[in-house]
Amino acid sequence: MFSSERKLVIFIGVACLFLALMGYAWKQRTMIPYVTVPLERVTTPFKYGTARFLEDIHTGIAVIDNAIDKTLEIDQLETDNAQLKQKLINYDEMQAENDRLRALLKFQQDHPQFKMVAATVIGRNFGTWANTLTIDRGRAEGITVNMPVVVPGGVVGFVSDVYEHSARVQTMIDPRTAIGVIVQRPASRVASVVRGNGANPGNPLLVDIARDGDVLKGDLLITSGYGGIYPKGLPVGTVLDITNDAEGFVKNATIEPAANFRNIEEVFVIIGSQEAAPAAPVQDPKLVPQTHRDQVEGIKGASNQ
């Protein structure tokens, strides 16, 4: 037992002495070349390898840091780009809404004879057999059936159904709709009716024009005021093409609506007008020749011609 401990103490002492000598030799390496030169030759590859290894580690860490920074920078740029795009979209939307509201305000100012309620389109039903809109104004806002609906461009249609806070608008391109119109051109003033065209919903028809009726391509049609729904003088559409009826007695015309039905978002409902409806033409009565009975009972009337 004693021998083992003694050997351990001797080993530790020798090791400490060796380390001390090595340390002393390293400090005095410039003065003891026969010791330092072999030592440096032995340690140089290790020092070089260690330096390269540490340098590679440092370079790798720098590359990783740089990559992380670039990734964060790219993410931030993408976020900023998305925010700028959204701001641009919002700006364009606000600009479009501002343009529409300006047009509505100008129309209202240019037509002080009308009392109008502005409404937003909240639903559409465009098809072959029905072309209607749903607006966000109804009975509570003073809307009633048969009130005309317009935009600054021209006639949209009329109110066909009313609910508490909404209403359905039957548009002028609906096949069930008919509007009395006049050719605005002073030399013409031909009166007829524009009807919805089920075969081509986007282009209603000016129907039953006399064969010699003075209607030309490009003529503007306005409401005639007859029928009790639309005030006189509202733009309805422009004549695109004229064709003769199959029987040859009348002709019809294809119309480009004045209102752009593809992008209607806000409308006006005319709830009152200071303009009276045009009076029906007055004709002199033609008296029926008296008979014996007329002489006895008195003349019972005349028939308008």
C-alpha atoms as a PDB file:
ATOM      1  CA  MET A   1       0.000   0.000   0.000  1.00  0.00           C
ATOM      2  CA  PHE A   2       2.808   2.348   1.038  1.00  0.00           C
ATOM      3  CA  SER A   3       4.739   1.471  -2.097  1.00  0.00           C
ATOM      4  CA  SER A   4       1.812   2.445  -4.366  1.00  0.00           C
ATOM      5  CA  GLU A   5       1.369   5.799  -2.710  1.00  0.00           C
ATOM      6  CA  ARG A   6       5.057   6.469  -2.939  1.00  0.00           C
ATOM      7  CA  LYS A   7       5.093   5.692  -6.637  1.00  0.00           C
ATOM      8  CA  LEU A   8       2.159   8.060  -7.193  1.00  0.00           C
ATOM      9  CA  VAL A   9       3.898  10.873  -5.338  1.00  0.00           C
ATOM     10  CA  ILE A  10       7.070  10.329  -7.330  1.00  0.00           C
ATOM     11  CA  PHE A  11       5.108  10.340 -10.623  1.00  0.00           C
ATOM     12  CA  ILE A  12       3.320  13.539  -9.753  1.00  0.00           C
ATOM     13  CA  GLY A  13       6.604  15.160  -8.721  1.00  0.00           C
ATOM     14  CA  VAL A  14       8.284  14.139 -11.979  1.00  0.00           C
ATOM     15  CA  ALA A  15       5.339  15.401 -13.996  1.00  0.00           C
ATOM     16  CA  CYS A  16       5.376  18.766 -12.247  1.00  0.00           C
ATOM     17  CA  LEU A  17       9.124  19.029 -12.781  1.00  0.00           C
ATOM     18  CA  PHE A  18       8.737  18.207 -16.466  1.00  0.00           C
ATOM     19  CA  LEU A  19       6.020  20.798 -16.902  1.00  0.00           C
ATOM     20  CA  ALA A  20       8.117  23.356 -15.075  1.00  0.00           C
ATOM     21  CA  LEU A  21      11.052  22.641 -17.320  1.00  0.00           C
ATOM     22  CA  MET A  22       8.885  22.852 -20.403  1.00  0.00           C
ATOM     23  CA  GLY A  23       7.466  26.183 -19.255  1.00  0.00           C
ATOM     24  CA  TYR A  24      10.908  27.537 -18.495  1.00  0.00           C
ATOM     25  CA  ALA A  25      12.177  26.307 -21.839  1.00  0.00           C
ATOM     26  CA  TRP A  26       9.271  27.989 -23.629  1.00  0.00           C
ATOM     27  CA  LYS A  27       9.929  31.298 -21.896  1.00  0.00           C
ATOM     28  CA  GLN A  28      13.597  31.042 -22.744  1.00  0.00           C
ATOM     29  CA  ARG A  29      12.998  29.731 -26.256  1.00  0.00           C
ATOM     30  CA  THR A  30      14.926  32.528 -27.883  1.00  0.00           C
ATOM     31  CA  MET A  31      17.930  31.790 -25.680  1.00  0.00           C
ATOM     32  CA  ILE A  32      17.856  27.987 -26.001  1.00  0.00           C
ATOM     33  CA  PRO A  33      17.482  27.325 -29.734  1.00  0.00           C
ATOM     34  CA  TYR A  34      18.343  23.644 -29.462  1.00  0.00           C
ATOM     35  CA  VAL A  35      15.168  23.305 -27.394  1.00  0.00           C
ATOM     36  CA  THR A  36      12.814  25.786 -29.020  1.00  0.00           C
ATOM     37  CA  VAL A  37      13.539  24.937 -32.643  1.00  0.00           C
ATOM     38  CA  PRO A  38      12.502  21.282 -32.360  1.00  0.00           C
ATOM     39  CA  LEU A  39       9.595  22.273 -30.185  1.00  0.00           C
ATOM     40  CA  GLU A  40       8.350  24.825 -32.714  1.00  0.00           C
ATOM     41  CA  ARG A  41       8.791  22.327 -35.523  1.00  0.00           C
ATOM     42  CA  VAL A  42       6.598  19.910 -33.646  1.00  0.00           C
ATOM     43  CA  THR A  43       3.972  22.440 -32.599  1.00  0.00           C
ATOM     44  CA  THR A  44       3.825  24.551 -35.791  1.00  0.00           C
ATOM     45  CA  PRO A  45       1.483  22.202 -37.747  1.00  0.00           C
ATOM     46  CA  PHE A  46      -0.817  22.055 -34.781  1.00  0.00           C
ATOM     47  CA  LYS A  47      -0.785  25.826 -34.381  1.00  0.00           C
ATOM     48  CA  TYR A  48      -1.432  26.301 -38.106  1.00  0.00           C
ATOM     49  CA  GLY A  49      -4.257  23.775 -38.122  1.00  0.00           C
ATOM     50  CA  THR A  50      -5.765  25.267 -35.000  1.00  0.00           C
ATOM     51  CA  ALA A  51      -5.555  28.779 -36.453  1.00  0.00           C
ATOM     52  CA  ARG A  52      -7.169  27.637 -39.729  1.00  0.00           C
ATOM     53  CA  PHE A  53      -9.856  25.792 -37.810  1.00  0.00           C
ATOM     54  CA  LEU A  54     -10.620  28.809 -35.634  1.00  0.00           C
ATOM     55  CA  GLU A  55     -10.562  31.081 -38.687  1.00  0.00           C
ATOM     56  CA  ASP A  56     -12.987  28.791 -40.527  1.00  0.00           C
ATOM     57  CA  ILE A  57     -15.252  28.752 -37.482  1.00  0.00           C
ATOM     58  CA  HIS A  58     -15.146  32.548 -37.313  1.00  0.00           C
ATOM     59  CA  THR A  59     -15.812  32.821 -41.050  1.00  0.00           C
ATOM     60  CA  GLY A  60     -18.724  30.375 -40.801  1.00  0.00           C
ATOM     61  CA  ILE A  61     -20.213  32.287 -37.896  1.00  0.00           C
ATOM     62  CA  ALA A  62     -19.843  35.542 -39.865  1.00  0.00           C
ATOM     63  CA  VAL A  63     -21.520  33.954 -42.907  1.00  0.00           C
ATOM     64  CA  ILE A  64     -24.386  32.671 -40.765  1.00  0.00           C
ATOM     65  CA  ASP A  65     -24.810  36.060 -39.098  1.00  0.00           C
ATOM     66  CA  ASN A  66     -24.763  37.775 -42.478  1.00  0.00           C
ATOM     67  CA  ALA A  67     -27.313  35.310 -43.875  1.00  0.00           C
ATOM     68  CA  ILE A  68     -29.577  35.848 -40.866  1.00  0.00           C
ATOM     69  CA  ASP A  69     -29.272  39.620 -41.263  1.00  0.00           C
ATOM     70  CA  LYS A  70     -30.034  39.382 -44.991  1.00  0.00           C
ATOM     71  CA  THR A  71     -33.034  37.137 -44.321  1.00  0.00           C
ATOM     72  CA  LEU A  72     -34.398  39.571 -41.752  1.00  0.00           C
ATOM     73  CA  GLU A  73     -33.745  42.441 -44.141  1.00  0.00           C
ATOM     74  CA  ILE A  74     -35.565  40.646 -46.977  1.00  0.00           C
ATOM     75  CA  ASP A  75     -38.495  39.847 -44.689  1.00  0.00           C
ATOM     76  CA  GLN A  76     -38.677  43.489 -43.639  1.00  0.00           C
ATOM     77  CA  LEU A  77     -38.512  44.627 -47.265  1.00  0.00           C
ATOM     78  CA  GLU A  78     -41.301  42.221 -48.209  1.00  0.00           C
ATOM     79  CA  THR A  79     -43.398  43.500 -45.305  1.00  0.00           C
ATOM     80  CA  ASP A  80     -42.753  47.116 -46.314  1.00  0.00           C
ATOM     81  CA  ASN A  81     -43.544  46.280 -49.948  1.00  0.00           C
ATOM     82  CA  ALA A  82     -46.853  44.630 -48.974  1.00  0.00           C
ATOM     83  CA  GLN A  83     -47.770  47.633 -46.847  1.00  0.00           C
ATOM     84  CA  LEU A  84     -46.954  50.020 -49.700  1.00  0.00           C
ATOM     85  CA  LYS A  85     -49.043  47.951 -52.122  1.00  0.00           C
ATOM     86  CA  GLN A  86     -51.982  47.992 -49.710  1.00  0.00           C
ATOM     87  CA  LYS A  87     -51.625  51.741 -49.254  1.00  0.00           C
ATOM     88  CA  LEU A  88     -51.593  52.159 -53.040  1.00  0.00           C
ATOM     89  CA  ILE A  89     -54.719  50.004 -53.377  1.00  0.00           C
ATOM     90  CA  ASN A  90     -56.426  51.999 -50.627  1.00  0.00           C
ATOM     91  CA  TYR A  91     -55.411  55.244 -52.308  1.00  0.00           C
ATOM     92  CA  ASP A  92     -56.725  54.096 -55.697  1.00  0.00           C
ATOM     93  CA  GLU A  93     -59.986  52.978 -54.078  1.00  0.00           C
ATOM     94  CA  MET A  94     -60.362  56.287 -52.272  1.00  0.00           C
ATOM     95  CA  GLN A  95     -59.605  58.154 -55.509  1.00  0.00           C
ATOM     96  CA  ALA A  96     -62.213  56.128 -57.426  1.00  0.00           C
ATOM     97  CA  GLU A  97     -64.791  56.671 -54.695  1.00  0.00           C
ATOM     98  CA  ASN A  98     -63.982  60.376 -54.608  1.00  0.00           C
ATOM     99  CA  ASP A  99     -64.471  60.639 -58.379  1.00  0.00           C
ATOM    100  CA  ARG A 100     -67.853  58.874 -58.159  1.00  0.00           C
ATOM    101  CA  LEU A 101     -69.027  61.033 -55.264  1.00  0.00           C
ATOM    102  CA  ARG A 102     -67.935  64.188 -57.102  1.00  0.00           C
ATOM    103  CA  ALA A 103     -69.961  63.125 -60.134  1.00  0.00           C
ATOM    104  CA  LEU A 104     -72.989  62.402 -57.921  1.00  0.00           C
ATOM    105  CA  LEU A 105     -72.665  65.764 -56.183  1.00  0.00           C
ATOM    106  CA  LYS A 106     -72.373  67.602 -59.501  1.00  0.00           C
ATOM    107  CA  PHE A 107     -75.439  65.791 -60.856  1.00  0.00           C
ATOM    108  CA  GLN A 108     -77.390  66.763 -57.757  1.00  0.00           C
ATOM    109  CA  GLN A 109     -76.286  70.391 -58.068  1.00  0.00           C
ATOM    110  CA  ASP A 110     -77.139  70.461 -61.784  1.00  0.00           C
ATOM    111  CA  HIS A 111     -80.674  69.162 -61.115  1.00  0.00           C
ATOM    112  CA  PRO A 112     -82.090  71.221 -58.239  1.00  0.00           C
ATOM    113  CA  GLN A 113     -85.612  70.472 -59.507  1.00  0.00           C
ATOM    114  CA  PHE A 114     -85.290  66.905 -58.228  1.00  0.00           C
ATOM    115  CA  LYS A 115     -85.410  65.728 -54.633  1.00  0.00           C
ATOM    116  CA  MET A 116     -83.097  62.728 -54.546  1.00  0.00           C
ATOM    117  CA  VAL A 117     -81.891  60.096 -52.110  1.00  0.00           C
ATOM    118  CA  ALA A 118     -78.444  58.583 -52.634  1.00  0.00           C
ATOM    119  CA  ALA A 119     -78.165  54.809 -52.314  1.00  0.00           C
ATOM    120  CA  THR A 120     -75.456  52.169 -52.583  1.00  0.00           C
ATOM    121  CA  VAL A 121     -75.847  49.064 -54.726  1.00  0.00           C
ATOM    122  CA  ILE A 122     -75.620  46.007 -52.467  1.00  0.00           C
ATOM    123  CA  GLY A 123     -76.763  43.292 -54.890  1.00  0.00           C
ATOM    124  CA  ARG A 124     -77.011  42.471 -58.591  1.00  0.00           C
ATOM    125  CA  ASN A 125     -79.079  40.025 -60.576  1.00  0.00           C
ATOM    126  CA  PHE A 126     -78.107  40.280 -64.229  1.00  0.00           C
ATOM    127  CA  GLY A 127     -79.333  37.602 -66.597  1.00  0.00           C
ATOM    128  CA  THR A 128     -81.380  36.913 -69.701  1.00  0.00           C
ATOM    129  CA  TRP A 129     -84.819  37.230 -68.116  1.00  0.00           C
ATOM    130  CA  ALA A 130     -84.149  39.691 -65.306  1.00  0.00           C
ATOM    131  CA  ASN A 131     -81.759  42.576 -64.755  1.00  0.00           C
ATOM    132  CA  THR A 132     -82.198  44.048 -61.315  1.00  0.00           C
ATOM    133  CA  LEU A 133     -80.205  45.793 -58.601  1.00  0.00           C
ATOM    134  CA  THR A 134     -80.677  45.866 -54.851  1.00  0.00           C
ATOM    135  CA  ILE A 135     -79.993  49.150 -53.040  1.00  0.00           C
ATOM    136  CA  ASP A 136     -79.565  49.942 -49.345  1.00  0.00           C
ATOM    137  CA  ARG A 137     -82.451  52.421 -49.085  1.00  0.00           C
ATOM    138  CA  GLY A 138     -86.085  51.480 -48.560  1.00  0.00           C
ATOM    139  CA  ARG A 139     -89.399  52.400 -47.060  1.00  0.00           C
ATOM    140  CA  ALA A 140     -87.803  53.947 -43.962  1.00  0.00           C
ATOM    141  CA  GLU A 141     -85.872  56.371 -46.180  1.00  0.00           C
ATOM    142  CA  GLY A 142     -88.937  57.441 -48.157  1.00  0.00           C
ATOM    143  CA  ILE A 143     -88.567  55.072 -51.109  1.00  0.00           C
ATOM    144  CA  THR A 144     -91.758  53.865 -52.798  1.00  0.00           C
ATOM    145  CA  VAL A 145     -92.578  51.709 -55.815  1.00  0.00           C
ATOM    146  CA  ASN A 146     -92.163  53.237 -59.305  1.00  0.00           C
ATOM    147  CA  MET A 147     -89.683  55.916 -58.267  1.00  0.00           C
ATOM    148  CA  PRO A 148     -87.067  56.524 -60.999  1.00  0.00           C
ATOM    149  CA  VAL A 149     -83.447  55.558 -60.360  1.00  0.00           C
ATOM    150  CA  VAL A 150     -80.627  57.403 -62.105  1.00  0.00           C
ATOM    151  CA  VAL A 151     -76.878  57.953 -62.156  1.00  0.00           C
ATOM    152  CA  PRO A 152     -75.011  60.978 -63.547  1.00  0.00           C
ATOM    153  CA  GLY A 153     -74.723  59.142 -66.860  1.00  0.00           C
ATOM    154  CA  GLY A 154     -78.446  58.606 -67.291  1.00  0.00           C
ATOM    155  CA  VAL A 155     -81.440  56.421 -66.463  1.00  0.00           C
ATOM    156  CA  VAL A 156     -80.884  53.194 -64.521  1.00  0.00           C
ATOM    157  CA  GLY A 157     -84.467  52.000 -64.034  1.00  0.00           C
ATOM    158  CA  PHE A 158     -87.250  52.257 -61.478  1.00  0.00           C
ATOM    159  CA  VAL A 159     -88.032  50.876 -58.024  1.00  0.00           C
ATOM    160  CA  SER A 160     -90.056  47.682 -58.426  1.00  0.00           C
ATOM    161  CA  ASP A 161     -90.116  46.361 -54.833  1.00  0.00           C
ATOM    162  CA  VAL A 162     -89.608  48.151 -51.521  1.00  0.00           C
ATOM    163  CA  TYR A 163     -88.594  46.772 -48.128  1.00  0.00           C
ATOM    164  CA  GLU A 164     -87.894  48.489 -44.817  1.00  0.00           C
ATOM    165  CA  HIS A 165     -84.261  49.384 -45.493  1.00  0.00           C
ATOM    166  CA  SER A 166     -83.698  48.130 -49.023  1.00  0.00           C
ATOM    167  CA  ALA A 167     -85.343  48.090 -52.437  1.00  0.00           C
ATOM    168  CA  ARG A 168     -85.151  46.278 -55.757  1.00  0.00           C
ATOM    169  CA  VAL A 169     -84.527  48.284 -58.915  1.00  0.00           C
ATOM    170  CA  GLN A 170     -85.735  46.948 -62.253  1.00  0.00           C
ATOM    171  CA  THR A 171     -83.201  48.291 -64.716  1.00  0.00           C
ATOM    172  CA  MET A 172     -83.927  49.694 -68.159  1.00  0.00           C
ATOM    173  CA  ILE A 173     -82.099  46.718 -69.748  1.00  0.00           C
ATOM    174  CA  ASP A 174     -84.525  44.286 -68.104  1.00  0.00           C
ATOM    175  CA  PRO A 175     -86.695  42.654 -70.838  1.00  0.00           C
ATOM    176  CA  ARG A 176     -89.806  43.614 -68.853  1.00  0.00           C
ATOM    177  CA  THR A 177     -88.986  47.344 -68.863  1.00  0.00           C
ATOM    178  CA  ALA A 178     -90.256  49.958 -71.335  1.00  0.00           C
ATOM    179  CA  ILE A 179     -89.402  53.678 -71.296  1.00  0.00           C
ATOM    180  CA  GLY A 180     -90.993  56.440 -73.351  1.00  0.00           C
ATOM    181  CA  VAL A 181     -88.263  58.398 -75.155  1.00  0.00           C
ATOM    182  CA  ILE A 182     -87.733  61.224 -77.634  1.00  0.00           C
ATOM    183  CA  VAL A 183     -84.889  61.750 -80.068  1.00  0.00           C
ATOM    184  CA  GLN A 184     -83.152  64.821 -78.662  1.00  0.00           C
ATOM    185  CA  ARG A 185     -82.064  66.142 -82.053  1.00  0.00           C
ATOM    186  CA  PRO A 186     -84.188  69.258 -82.751  1.00  0.00           C
ATOM    187  CA  ALA A 187     -84.814  68.327 -86.380  1.00  0.00           C
ATOM    188  CA  SER A 188     -86.231  64.963 -85.390  1.00  0.00           C
ATOM    189  CA  ARG A 189     -88.031  64.791 -82.007  1.00  0.00           C
ATOM    190  CA  VAL A 190     -89.337  61.340 -82.940  1.00  0.00           C
ATOM    191  CA  ALA A 191     -91.069  59.720 -79.970  1.00  0.00           C
ATOM    192  CA  SER A 192     -91.079  55.980 -79.324  1.00  0.00           C
ATOM    193  CA  VAL A 193     -90.362  53.361 -76.661  1.00  0.00           C
ATOM    194  CA  VAL A 194     -87.123  51.731 -75.499  1.00  0.00           C
ATOM    195  CA  ARG A 195     -87.523  48.126 -74.316  1.00  0.00           C
ATOM    196  CA  GLY A 196     -85.127  45.648 -72.729  1.00  0.00           C
ATOM    197  CA  ASN A 197     -83.664  43.126 -75.134  1.00  0.00           C
ATOM    198  CA  GLY A 198     -83.640  39.549 -73.819  1.00  0.00           C
ATOM    199  CA  ALA A 199     -81.544  38.358 -76.765  1.00  0.00           C
ATOM    200  CA  ASN A 200     -78.876  40.961 -76.048  1.00  0.00           C
ATOM    201  CA  PRO A 201     -79.337  42.328 -72.513  1.00  0.00           C
ATOM    202  CA  GLY A 202     -76.591  44.925 -72.846  1.00  0.00           C
ATOM    203  CA  ASN A 203     -78.310  46.715 -75.711  1.00  0.00           C
ATOM    204  CA  PRO A 204     -82.038  47.534 -75.413  1.00  0.00           C
ATOM    205  CA  LEU A 205     -84.158  48.333 -78.455  1.00  0.00           C
ATOM    206  CA  LEU A 206     -85.934  51.441 -79.691  1.00  0.00           C
ATOM    207  CA  VAL A 207     -89.015  49.767 -81.169  1.00  0.00           C
ATOM    208  CA  ASP A 208     -91.835  50.510 -83.586  1.00  0.00           C
ATOM    209  CA  ILE A 209     -90.324  53.535 -85.303  1.00  0.00           C
ATOM    210  CA  ALA A 210     -92.242  54.623 -88.383  1.00  0.00           C
ATOM    211  CA  ARG A 211     -90.547  53.561 -91.596  1.00  0.00           C
ATOM    212  CA  ASP A 212     -89.928  57.197 -92.514  1.00  0.00           C
ATOM    213  CA  GLY A 213     -89.123  58.224 -88.927  1.00  0.00           C
ATOM    214  CA  ASP A 214     -86.137  60.565 -88.677  1.00  0.00           C
ATOM    215  CA  VAL A 215     -83.820  58.484 -86.501  1.00  0.00           C
ATOM    216  CA  LEU A 216     -80.080  58.326 -87.205  1.00  0.00           C
ATOM    217  CA  LYS A 217     -77.100  56.485 -85.808  1.00  0.00           C
ATOM    218  CA  GLY A 218     -75.614  58.494 -82.956  1.00  0.00           C
ATOM    219  CA  ASP A 219     -78.907  60.151 -81.962  1.00  0.00           C
ATOM    220  CA  LEU A 220     -79.293  60.700 -78.216  1.00  0.00           C
ATOM    221  CA  LEU A 221     -82.533  59.486 -76.684  1.00  0.00           C
ATOM    222  CA  ILE A 222     -84.000  61.199 -73.620  1.00  0.00           C
ATOM    223  CA  THR A 223     -87.032  60.409 -71.505  1.00  0.00           C
ATOM    224  CA  SER A 224     -90.252  61.837 -72.909  1.00  0.00           C
ATOM    225  CA  GLY A 225     -91.906  62.258 -69.513  1.00  0.00           C
ATOM    226  CA  TYR A 226     -94.972  60.233 -70.509  1.00  0.00           C
ATOM    227  CA  GLY A 227     -95.932  57.255 -68.379  1.00  0.00           C
ATOM    228  CA  GLY A 228     -95.717  58.951 -64.996  1.00  0.00           C
ATOM    229  CA  ILE A 229     -92.404  57.439 -63.826  1.00  0.00           C
ATOM    230  CA  TYR A 230     -89.482  59.271 -65.422  1.00  0.00           C
ATOM    231  CA  PRO A 231     -89.178  63.061 -65.581  1.00  0.00           C
ATOM    232  CA  LYS A 232     -88.601  64.475 -69.033  1.00  0.00           C
ATOM    233  CA  GLY A 233     -85.089  65.043 -70.348  1.00  0.00           C
ATOM    234  CA  LEU A 234     -83.029  62.312 -68.665  1.00  0.00           C
ATOM    235  CA  PRO A 235     -80.482  60.584 -70.962  1.00  0.00           C
ATOM    236  CA  VAL A 236     -81.499  57.039 -71.884  1.00  0.00           C
ATOM    237  CA  GLY A 237     -79.053  55.969 -74.565  1.00  0.00           C
ATOM    238  CA  THR A 238     -77.528  56.436 -78.011  1.00  0.00           C
ATOM    239  CA  VAL A 239     -78.634  54.824 -81.277  1.00  0.00           C
ATOM    240  CA  LEU A 240     -76.069  52.264 -82.449  1.00  0.00           C
ATOM    241  CA  ASP A 241     -77.778  50.607 -85.394  1.00  0.00           C
ATOM    242  CA  ILE A 242     -81.119  50.690 -87.225  1.00  0.00           C
ATOM    243  CA  THR A 243     -82.849  47.709 -88.844  1.00  0.00           C
ATOM    244  CA  ASN A 244     -86.166  47.317 -90.660  1.00  0.00           C
ATOM    245  CA  ASP A 245     -88.840  45.145 -89.130  1.00  0.00           C
ATOM    246  CA  ALA A 246     -89.479  41.799 -90.852  1.00  0.00           C
ATOM    247  CA  GLU A 247     -92.816  43.035 -92.178  1.00  0.00           C
ATOM    248  CA  GLY A 248     -91.273  46.244 -93.443  1.00  0.00           C
ATOM    249  CA  PHE A 249     -93.785  48.662 -91.928  1.00  0.00           C
ATOM    250  CA  VAL A 250     -91.613  49.863 -89.025  1.00  0.00           C
ATOM    251  CA  LYS A 251     -87.986  49.825 -88.005  1.00  0.00           C
ATOM    252  CA  ASN A 252     -86.132  49.204 -84.761  1.00  0.00           C
ATOM    253  CA  ALA A 253     -82.867  50.558 -83.394  1.00  0.00           C
ATOM    254  CA  THR A 254     -80.233  49.057 -81.108  1.00  0.00           C
ATOM    255  CA  ILE A 255     -79.345  51.321 -78.193  1.00  0.00           C
ATOM    256  CA  GLU A 256     -76.189  51.831 -76.146  1.00  0.00           C
ATOM    257  CA  PRO A 257     -77.445  52.726 -72.625  1.00  0.00           C
ATOM    258  CA  ALA A 258     -76.297  56.058 -71.218  1.00  0.00           C
ATOM    259  CA  ALA A 259     -75.667  54.455 -67.819  1.00  0.00           C
ATOM    260  CA  ASN A 260     -72.728  52.068 -67.544  1.00  0.00           C
ATOM    261  CA  PHE A 261     -74.346  49.007 -65.954  1.00  0.00           C
ATOM    262  CA  ARG A 262     -71.010  47.211 -65.613  1.00  0.00           C
ATOM    263  CA  ASN A 263     -69.756  49.403 -62.777  1.00  0.00           C
ATOM    264  CA  ILE A 264     -72.734  50.996 -61.023  1.00  0.00           C
ATOM    265  CA  GLU A 265     -71.968  51.327 -57.308  1.00  0.00           C
ATOM    266  CA  GLU A 266     -74.053  54.334 -56.200  1.00  0.00           C
ATOM    267  CA  VAL A 267     -77.355  55.629 -57.564  1.00  0.00           C
ATOM    268  CA  PHE A 268     -79.908  58.374 -56.964  1.00  0.00           C
ATOM    269  CA  VAL A 269     -83.575  57.649 -56.346  1.00  0.00           C
ATOM    270  CA  ILE A 270     -85.730  60.606 -57.417  1.00  0.00           C
ATOM    271  CA  ILE A 271     -88.348  60.860 -54.684  1.00  0.00           C
ATOM    272  CA  GLY A 272     -89.813  64.175 -55.818  1.00  0.00           C
ATOM    273  CA  SER A 273     -89.773  66.581 -58.757  1.00  0.00           C
ATOM    274  CA  GLN A 274     -90.783  70.196 -59.197  1.00  0.00           C
ATOM    275  CA  GLU A 275     -91.443  69.553 -62.862  1.00  0.00           C
ATOM    276  CA  ALA A 276     -94.967  68.594 -63.838  1.00  0.00           C
ATOM    277  CA  ALA A 277     -95.468  65.695 -66.209  1.00  0.00           C
ATOM    278  CA  PRO A 278     -96.075  66.740 -69.819  1.00  0.00           C
ATOM    279  CA  ALA A 279     -99.739  67.167 -70.658  1.00  0.00           C
ATOM    280  CA  ALA A 280    -101.260  64.767 -73.147  1.00  0.00           C
ATOM    281  CA  PRO A 281    -101.907  66.281 -76.589  1.00  0.00           C
ATOM    282  CA  VAL A 282    -105.233  68.100 -76.742  1.00  0.00           C
ATOM    283  CA  GLN A 283    -107.383  67.434 -79.781  1.00  0.00           C
ATOM    284  CA  ASP A 284    -110.558  69.184 -80.832  1.00  0.00           C
ATOM    285  CA  PRO A 285    -113.617  66.938 -80.360  1.00  0.00           C
ATOM    286  CA  LYS A 286    -115.519  65.871 -83.432  1.00  0.00           C
ATOM    287  CA  LEU A 287    -119.274  66.031 -82.919  1.00  0.00           C
ATOM    288  CA  VAL A 288    -121.363  63.124 -84.071  1.00  0.00           C
ATOM    289  CA  PRO A 289    -124.277  64.186 -86.323  1.00  0.00           C
ATOM    290  CA  GLN A 290    -127.483  64.643 -84.417  1.00  0.00           C
ATOM    291  CA  THR A 291    -130.128  62.008 -84.584  1.00  0.00           C
ATOM    292  CA  HIS A 292    -133.797  62.189 -83.627  1.00  0.00           C
ATOM    293  CA  ARG A 293    -132.886  60.692 -80.271  1.00  0.00           C
ATOM    294  CA  ASP A 294    -130.211  63.324 -79.753  1.00  0.00           C
ATOM    295  CA  GLN A 295    -132.719  66.036 -80.407  1.00  0.00           C
ATOM    296  CA  VAL A 296    -134.969  64.541 -77.777  1.00  0.00           C
ATOM    297  CA  GLU A 297    -132.365  63.623 -75.096  1.00  0.00           C
ATOM    298  CA  GLY A 298    -129.625  66.101 -75.984  1.00  0.00           C
ATOM    299  CA  ILE A 299    -126.282  65.525 -77.539  1.00  0.00           C
ATOM    300  CA  LYS A 300    -124.547  62.875 -75.473  1.00  0.00           C
ATOM    301  CA  GLY A 301    -121.042  63.471 -76.463  1.00  0.00           C
ATOM    302  CA  ALA A 302    -118.284  63.632 -78.770  1.00  0.00           C
ATOM    303  CA  SER A 303    -115.604  61.189 -79.592  1.00  0.00           C
ATOM    304  CA  ASN A 304    -111.997  62.293 -79.547  1.00  0.00           C
ATOM    305  CA  GLN A 305    -110.091  61.436 -82.613  1.00  0.00           C
END
